[in-house]
Amino acid sequence: MTKITVCDVCKKEGKITETQRRLTVKGHTDLRIDVCDMHIKQVREKYPKVTPEYVQYIYGLNNIEIELETAKAMLQKH
């Protein structure tokens, strides 16, 4: 059976798009998203650096809402 990786941003929008790219945050295995070529550009333009807002965005893609203070604390741990 073949494993197909779907873009997390497209999935949130109700679409299915296959992807081969993954964005990760070093030291945080739970902060990883799979993105298609179109969305990788959008995400990198909107979040050029890893910020607490970026952490909130990643969790939001998985329908998990976290507060800004929680995101800041997560980034300070590593």
PDB file of N, CA and C in Angstrom:
ATOM      1  N   MET A   1       0.839  -1.162   0.000  1.00  0.00           N
ATOM      2  CA  MET A   1       0.000   0.000   0.000  1.00  0.00           C
ATOM      3  C   MET A   1       0.894   1.238   0.000  1.00  0.00           C
ATOM      4  N   THR A   2       0.522   2.221  -0.779  1.00  0.00           N
ATOM      5  CA  THR A   2       1.277   3.452  -0.900  1.00  0.00           C
ATOM      6  C   THR A   2       0.749   4.489   0.082  1.00  0.00           C
ATOM      7  N   LYS A   3       1.687   5.173   0.725  1.00  0.00           N
ATOM      8  CA  LYS A   3       1.306   6.226   1.665  1.00  0.00           C
ATOM      9  C   LYS A   3       1.318   7.560   0.922  1.00  0.00           C
ATOM     10  N   ILE A   4       0.231   8.296   1.017  1.00  0.00           N
ATOM     11  CA  ILE A   4       0.124   9.601   0.376  1.00  0.00           C
ATOM     12  C   ILE A   4       0.071  10.650   1.469  1.00  0.00           C
ATOM     13  N   THR A   5       0.951  11.639   1.370  1.00  0.00           N
ATOM     14  CA  THR A   5       0.983  12.727   2.340  1.00  0.00           C
ATOM     15  C   THR A   5       0.158  13.880   1.789  1.00  0.00           C
ATOM     16  N   VAL A   6      -0.764  14.381   2.604  1.00  0.00           N
ATOM     17  CA  VAL A   6      -1.676  15.440   2.181  1.00  0.00           C
ATOM     18  C   VAL A   6      -1.254  16.755   2.824  1.00  0.00           C
ATOM     19  N   CYS A   7      -1.359  17.836   2.058  1.00  0.00           N
ATOM     20  CA  CYS A   7      -1.044  19.175   2.557  1.00  0.00           C
ATOM     21  C   CYS A   7      -1.986  19.517   3.703  1.00  0.00           C
ATOM     22  N   ASP A   8      -1.425  19.887   4.855  1.00  0.00           N
ATOM     23  CA  ASP A   8      -2.234  20.220   6.032  1.00  0.00           C
ATOM     24  C   ASP A   8      -3.080  21.470   5.819  1.00  0.00           C
ATOM     25  N   VAL A   9      -2.550  22.447   5.074  1.00  0.00           N
ATOM     26  CA  VAL A   9      -3.294  23.683   4.824  1.00  0.00           C
ATOM     27  C   VAL A   9      -4.473  23.400   3.892  1.00  0.00           C
ATOM     28  N   CYS A  10      -4.247  22.631   2.838  1.00  0.00           N
ATOM     29  CA  CYS A  10      -5.335  22.264   1.922  1.00  0.00           C
ATOM     30  C   CYS A  10      -6.396  21.444   2.649  1.00  0.00           C
ATOM     31  N   LYS A  11      -5.955  20.521   3.504  1.00  0.00           N
ATOM     32  CA  LYS A  11      -6.888  19.680   4.253  1.00  0.00           C
ATOM     33  C   LYS A  11      -7.787  20.543   5.133  1.00  0.00           C
ATOM     34  N   LYS A  12      -7.229  21.578   5.752  1.00  0.00           N
ATOM     35  CA  LYS A  12      -8.006  22.491   6.589  1.00  0.00           C
ATOM     36  C   LYS A  12      -9.049  23.229   5.745  1.00  0.00           C
ATOM     37  N   GLU A  13      -8.722  23.492   4.464  1.00  0.00           N
ATOM     38  CA  GLU A  13      -9.631  24.189   3.555  1.00  0.00           C
ATOM     39  C   GLU A  13     -10.625  23.237   2.888  1.00  0.00           C
ATOM     40  N   GLY A  14     -10.525  21.949   3.173  1.00  0.00           N
ATOM     41  CA  GLY A  14     -11.446  20.976   2.606  1.00  0.00           C
ATOM     42  C   GLY A  14     -11.003  20.401   1.268  1.00  0.00           C
ATOM     43  N   LYS A  15      -9.732  20.590   0.919  1.00  0.00           N
ATOM     44  CA  LYS A  15      -9.195  20.061  -0.338  1.00  0.00           C
ATOM     45  C   LYS A  15      -8.184  18.962  -0.023  1.00  0.00           C
ATOM     46  N   ILE A  16      -7.885  18.166  -1.016  1.00  0.00           N
ATOM     47  CA  ILE A  16      -6.860  17.135  -0.867  1.00  0.00           C
ATOM     48  C   ILE A  16      -5.803  17.372  -1.930  1.00  0.00           C
ATOM     49  N   THR A  17      -4.589  17.673  -1.487  1.00  0.00           N
ATOM     50  CA  THR A  17      -3.469  17.911  -2.375  1.00  0.00           C
ATOM     51  C   THR A  17      -2.274  17.120  -1.863  1.00  0.00           C
ATOM     52  N   GLU A  18      -1.692  16.312  -2.738  1.00  0.00           N
ATOM     53  CA  GLU A  18      -0.525  15.528  -2.345  1.00  0.00           C
ATOM     54  C   GLU A  18       0.686  16.441  -2.209  1.00  0.00           C
ATOM     55  N   THR A  19       1.551  16.120  -1.271  1.00  0.00           N
ATOM     56  CA  THR A  19       2.731  16.943  -1.042  1.00  0.00           C
ATOM     57  C   THR A  19       3.943  16.077  -0.759  1.00  0.00           C
ATOM     58  N   GLN A  20       5.092  16.640  -0.995  1.00  0.00           N
ATOM     59  CA  GLN A  20       6.353  15.979  -0.709  1.00  0.00           C
ATOM     60  C   GLN A  20       7.203  16.814   0.246  1.00  0.00           C
ATOM     61  N   ARG A  21       6.699  17.951   0.698  1.00  0.00           N
ATOM     62  CA  ARG A  21       7.469  18.870   1.542  1.00  0.00           C
ATOM     63  C   ARG A  21       6.933  18.906   2.955  1.00  0.00           C
ATOM     64  N   ARG A  22       7.844  19.158   3.878  1.00  0.00           N
ATOM     65  CA  ARG A  22       7.493  19.200   5.291  1.00  0.00           C
ATOM     66  C   ARG A  22       8.254  20.350   5.940  1.00  0.00           C
ATOM     67  N   LEU A  23       7.537  21.140   6.731  1.00  0.00           N
ATOM     68  CA  LEU A  23       8.172  22.201   7.506  1.00  0.00           C
ATOM     69  C   LEU A  23       8.236  21.747   8.949  1.00  0.00           C
ATOM     70  N   THR A  24       9.408  21.854   9.549  1.00  0.00           N
ATOM     71  CA  THR A  24       9.594  21.424  10.929  1.00  0.00           C
ATOM     72  C   THR A  24      10.231  22.543  11.744  1.00  0.00           C
ATOM     73  N   VAL A  25      10.071  22.443  13.039  1.00  0.00           N
ATOM     74  CA  VAL A  25      10.734  23.352  13.965  1.00  0.00           C
ATOM     75  C   VAL A  25      11.720  22.503  14.750  1.00  0.00           C
ATOM     76  N   LYS A  26      12.995  22.824  14.635  1.00  0.00           N
ATOM     77  CA  LYS A  26      14.041  22.052  15.282  1.00  0.00           C
ATOM     78  C   LYS A  26      13.806  21.959  16.785  1.00  0.00           C
ATOM     79  N   GLY A  27      13.842  20.744  17.292  1.00  0.00           N
ATOM     80  CA  GLY A  27      13.659  20.522  18.715  1.00  0.00           C
ATOM     81  C   GLY A  27      12.215  20.330  19.138  1.00  0.00           C
ATOM     82  N   HIS A  28      11.286  20.473  18.212  1.00  0.00           N
ATOM     83  CA  HIS A  28       9.854  20.341  18.523  1.00  0.00           C
ATOM     84  C   HIS A  28       9.236  19.365  17.522  1.00  0.00           C
ATOM     85  N   THR A  29       9.172  18.113  17.886  1.00  0.00           N
ATOM     86  CA  THR A  29       8.648  17.110  16.965  1.00  0.00           C
ATOM     87  C   THR A  29       7.153  17.293  16.694  1.00  0.00           C
ATOM     88  N   ASP A  30       6.431  17.924  17.600  1.00  0.00           N
ATOM     89  CA  ASP A  30       4.996  18.131  17.388  1.00  0.00           C
ATOM     90  C   ASP A  30       4.702  19.338  16.500  1.00  0.00           C
ATOM     91  N   LEU A  31       5.699  20.164  16.205  1.00  0.00           N
ATOM     92  CA  LEU A  31       5.511  21.335  15.353  1.00  0.00           C
ATOM     93  C   LEU A  31       6.000  21.028  13.941  1.00  0.00           C
ATOM     94  N   ARG A  32       5.205  20.225  13.242  1.00  0.00           N
ATOM     95  CA  ARG A  32       5.552  19.828  11.890  1.00  0.00           C
ATOM     96  C   ARG A  32       4.292  19.887  11.038  1.00  0.00           C
ATOM     97  N   ILE A  33       4.429  20.456   9.834  1.00  0.00           N
ATOM     98  CA  ILE A  33       3.300  20.456   8.909  1.00  0.00           C
ATOM     99  C   ILE A  33       3.780  20.013   7.538  1.00  0.00           C
ATOM    100  N   ASP A  34       2.901  19.350   6.822  1.00  0.00           N
ATOM    101  CA  ASP A  34       3.155  18.969   5.440  1.00  0.00           C
ATOM    102  C   ASP A  34       2.454  19.992   4.566  1.00  0.00           C
ATOM    103  N   VAL A  35       3.170  20.506   3.558  1.00  0.00           N
ATOM    104  CA  VAL A  35       2.593  21.543   2.702  1.00  0.00           C
ATOM    105  C   VAL A  35       2.865  21.257   1.235  1.00  0.00           C
ATOM    106  N   CYS A  36       1.957  21.732   0.389  1.00  0.00           N
ATOM    107  CA  CYS A  36       2.141  21.623  -1.054  1.00  0.00           C
ATOM    108  C   CYS A  36       3.013  22.792  -1.517  1.00  0.00           C
ATOM    109  N   ASP A  37       3.394  22.783  -2.790  1.00  0.00           N
ATOM    110  CA  ASP A  37       4.264  23.835  -3.309  1.00  0.00           C
ATOM    111  C   ASP A  37       3.630  25.224  -3.208  1.00  0.00           C
ATOM    112  N   MET A  38       2.326  25.297  -3.405  1.00  0.00           N
ATOM    113  CA  MET A  38       1.647  26.588  -3.343  1.00  0.00           C
ATOM    114  C   MET A  38       1.664  27.141  -1.917  1.00  0.00           C
ATOM    115  N   HIS A  39       1.376  26.295  -0.949  1.00  0.00           N
ATOM    116  CA  HIS A  39       1.264  26.770   0.432  1.00  0.00           C
ATOM    117  C   HIS A  39       2.619  26.959   1.107  1.00  0.00           C
ATOM    118  N   ILE A  40       3.654  26.282   0.648  1.00  0.00           N
ATOM    119  CA  ILE A  40       4.964  26.483   1.285  1.00  0.00           C
ATOM    120  C   ILE A  40       5.413  27.927   1.106  1.00  0.00           C
ATOM    121  N   LYS A  41       5.140  28.499  -0.059  1.00  0.00           N
ATOM    122  CA  LYS A  41       5.504  29.895  -0.308  1.00  0.00           C
ATOM    123  C   LYS A  41       4.687  30.826   0.579  1.00  0.00           C
ATOM    124  N   GLN A  42       3.382  30.569   0.697  1.00  0.00           N
ATOM    125  CA  GLN A  42       2.518  31.418   1.517  1.00  0.00           C
ATOM    126  C   GLN A  42       2.910  31.373   2.987  1.00  0.00           C
ATOM    127  N   VAL A  43       3.195  30.188   3.490  1.00  0.00           N
ATOM    128  CA  VAL A  43       3.553  30.046   4.900  1.00  0.00           C
ATOM    129  C   VAL A  43       4.889  30.723   5.184  1.00  0.00           C
ATOM    130  N   ARG A  44       5.860  30.533   4.293  1.00  0.00           N
ATOM    131  CA  ARG A  44       7.181  31.152   4.509  1.00  0.00           C
ATOM    132  C   ARG A  44       7.131  32.667   4.401  1.00  0.00           C
ATOM    133  N   GLU A  45       6.249  33.207   3.546  1.00  0.00           N
ATOM    134  CA  GLU A  45       6.108  34.661   3.455  1.00  0.00           C
ATOM    135  C   GLU A  45       5.443  35.224   4.702  1.00  0.00           C
ATOM    136  N   LYS A  46       4.416  34.533   5.192  1.00  0.00           N
ATOM    137  CA  LYS A  46       3.682  35.017   6.357  1.00  0.00           C
ATOM    138  C   LYS A  46       4.475  34.837   7.648  1.00  0.00           C
ATOM    139  N   TYR A  47       5.233  33.740   7.738  1.00  0.00           N
ATOM    140  CA  TYR A  47       6.016  33.428   8.943  1.00  0.00           C
ATOM    141  C   TYR A  47       7.467  33.125   8.543  1.00  0.00           C
ATOM    142  N   PRO A  48       8.273  34.162   8.278  1.00  0.00           N
ATOM    143  CA  PRO A  48       9.659  33.908   7.866  1.00  0.00           C
ATOM    144  C   PRO A  48      10.527  33.319   8.983  1.00  0.00           C
ATOM    145  N   LYS A  49      10.125  33.553  10.240  1.00  0.00           N
ATOM    146  CA  LYS A  49      10.854  33.001  11.376  1.00  0.00           C
ATOM    147  C   LYS A  49       9.872  32.253  12.273  1.00  0.00           C
ATOM    148  N   VAL A  50      10.422  31.418  13.127  1.00  0.00           N
ATOM    149  CA  VAL A  50       9.584  30.700  14.086  1.00  0.00           C
ATOM    150  C   VAL A  50       9.218  31.664  15.207  1.00  0.00           C
ATOM    151  N   THR A  51       7.941  31.975  15.288  1.00  0.00           N
ATOM    152  CA  THR A  51       7.419  32.892  16.290  1.00  0.00           C
ATOM    153  C   THR A  51       6.281  32.196  17.040  1.00  0.00           C
ATOM    154  N   PRO A  52       5.862  32.749  18.168  1.00  0.00           N
ATOM    155  CA  PRO A  52       4.704  32.167  18.857  1.00  0.00           C
ATOM    156  C   PRO A  52       3.450  32.139  17.979  1.00  0.00           C
ATOM    157  N   GLU A  53       3.304  33.120  17.106  1.00  0.00           N
ATOM    158  CA  GLU A  53       2.158  33.139  16.194  1.00  0.00           C
ATOM    159  C   GLU A  53       2.221  31.976  15.219  1.00  0.00           C
ATOM    160  N   TYR A  54       3.426  31.621  14.780  1.00  0.00           N
ATOM    161  CA  TYR A  54       3.616  30.482  13.887  1.00  0.00           C
ATOM    162  C   TYR A  54       3.232  29.181  14.601  1.00  0.00           C
ATOM    163  N   VAL A  55       3.600  29.076  15.863  1.00  0.00           N
ATOM    164  CA  VAL A  55       3.240  27.897  16.657  1.00  0.00           C
ATOM    165  C   VAL A  55       1.716  27.807  16.768  1.00  0.00           C
ATOM    166  N   GLN A  56       1.057  28.932  17.017  1.00  0.00           N
ATOM    167  CA  GLN A  56      -0.405  28.946  17.073  1.00  0.00           C
ATOM    168  C   GLN A  56      -0.999  28.513  15.731  1.00  0.00           C
ATOM    169  N   TYR A  57      -0.414  28.961  14.645  1.00  0.00           N
ATOM    170  CA  TYR A  57      -0.897  28.614  13.304  1.00  0.00           C
ATOM    171  C   TYR A  57      -0.814  27.103  13.071  1.00  0.00           C
ATOM    172  N   ILE A  58       0.314  26.500  13.432  1.00  0.00           N
ATOM    173  CA  ILE A  58       0.485  25.066  13.229  1.00  0.00           C
ATOM    174  C   ILE A  58      -0.537  24.280  14.044  1.00  0.00           C
ATOM    175  N   TYR A  59      -0.711  24.643  15.300  1.00  0.00           N
ATOM    176  CA  TYR A  59      -1.701  23.955  16.121  1.00  0.00           C
ATOM    177  C   TYR A  59      -3.120  24.195  15.598  1.00  0.00           C
ATOM    178  N   GLY A  60      -3.376  25.385  15.088  1.00  0.00           N
ATOM    179  CA  GLY A  60      -4.687  25.700  14.527  1.00  0.00           C
ATOM    180  C   GLY A  60      -5.034  24.833  13.333  1.00  0.00           C
ATOM    181  N   LEU A  61      -4.030  24.447  12.558  1.00  0.00           N
ATOM    182  CA  LEU A  61      -4.268  23.545  11.425  1.00  0.00           C
ATOM    183  C   LEU A  61      -4.779  22.193  11.900  1.00  0.00           C
ATOM    184  N   ASN A  62      -4.431  21.828  13.116  1.00  0.00           N
ATOM    185  CA  ASN A  62      -4.878  20.555  13.693  1.00  0.00           C
ATOM    186  C   ASN A  62      -6.072  20.741  14.630  1.00  0.00           C
ATOM    187  N   ASN A  63      -6.761  21.876  14.491  1.00  0.00           N
ATOM    188  CA  ASN A  63      -7.946  22.190  15.293  1.00  0.00           C
ATOM    189  C   ASN A  63      -7.657  22.233  16.791  1.00  0.00           C
ATOM    190  N   ILE A  64      -6.459  22.675  17.147  1.00  0.00           N
ATOM    191  CA  ILE A  64      -6.075  22.848  18.546  1.00  0.00           C
ATOM    192  C   ILE A  64      -5.756  24.327  18.746  1.00  0.00           C
ATOM    193  N   GLU A  65      -6.510  24.961  19.607  1.00  0.00           N
ATOM    194  CA  GLU A  65      -6.289  26.375  19.882  1.00  0.00           C
ATOM    195  C   GLU A  65      -5.429  26.513  21.141  1.00  0.00           C
ATOM    196  N   ILE A  66      -4.323  27.249  21.017  1.00  0.00           N
ATOM    197  CA  ILE A  66      -3.485  27.517  22.178  1.00  0.00           C
ATOM    198  C   ILE A  66      -3.317  29.024  22.314  1.00  0.00           C
ATOM    199  N   GLU A  67      -3.091  29.461  23.531  1.00  0.00           N
ATOM    200  CA  GLU A  67      -2.914  30.885  23.789  1.00  0.00           C
ATOM    201  C   GLU A  67      -1.500  31.310  23.424  1.00  0.00           C
ATOM    202  N   LEU A  68      -1.343  32.592  23.189  1.00  0.00           N
ATOM    203  CA  LEU A  68      -0.042  33.138  22.812  1.00  0.00           C
ATOM    204  C   LEU A  68       1.005  32.881  23.885  1.00  0.00           C
ATOM    205  N   GLU A  69       0.636  32.995  25.141  1.00  0.00           N
ATOM    206  CA  GLU A  69       1.576  32.759  26.243  1.00  0.00           C
ATOM    207  C   GLU A  69       2.048  31.302  26.259  1.00  0.00           C
ATOM    208  N   THR A  70       1.156  30.381  25.947  1.00  0.00           N
ATOM    209  CA  THR A  70       1.521  28.966  25.882  1.00  0.00           C
ATOM    210  C   THR A  70       2.508  28.728  24.752  1.00  0.00           C
ATOM    211  N   ALA A  71       2.267  29.358  23.612  1.00  0.00           N
ATOM    212  CA  ALA A  71       3.173  29.222  22.462  1.00  0.00           C
ATOM    213  C   ALA A  71       4.550  29.791  22.797  1.00  0.00           C
ATOM    214  N   LYS A  72       4.591  30.917  23.484  1.00  0.00           N
ATOM    215  CA  LYS A  72       5.869  31.516  23.886  1.00  0.00           C
ATOM    216  C   LYS A  72       6.626  30.572  24.810  1.00  0.00           C
ATOM    217  N   ALA A  73       5.919  29.980  25.761  1.00  0.00           N
ATOM    218  CA  ALA A  73       6.554  29.062  26.705  1.00  0.00           C
ATOM    219  C   ALA A  73       7.102  27.824  25.992  1.00  0.00           C
ATOM    220  N   MET A  74       6.388  27.347  25.004  1.00  0.00           N
ATOM    221  CA  MET A  74       6.847  26.174  24.257  1.00  0.00           C
ATOM    222  C   MET A  74       8.168  26.461  23.544  1.00  0.00           C
ATOM    223  N   LEU A  75       8.270  27.628  22.954  1.00  0.00           N
ATOM    224  CA  LEU A  75       9.491  27.988  22.225  1.00  0.00           C
ATOM    225  C   LEU A  75      10.665  28.243  23.170  1.00  0.00           C
ATOM    226  N   GLN A  76      10.405  28.689  24.382  1.00  0.00           N
ATOM    227  CA  GLN A  76      11.485  28.971  25.329  1.00  0.00           C
ATOM    228  C   GLN A  76      12.065  27.706  25.939  1.00  0.00           C
ATOM    229  N   LYS A  77      11.336  26.605  25.883  1.00  0.00           N
ATOM    230  CA  LYS A  77      11.820  25.362  26.476  1.00  0.00           C
ATOM    231  C   LYS A  77      13.035  24.811  25.757  1.00  0.00           C
ATOM    232  N   HIS A  78      13.166  25.093  24.462  1.00  0.00           N
ATOM    233  CA  HIS A  78      14.295  24.526  23.683  1.00  0.00           C
ATOM    234  C   HIS A  78      15.176  25.622  23.184  1.00  0.00           C
TER     235      HIS A  78
END
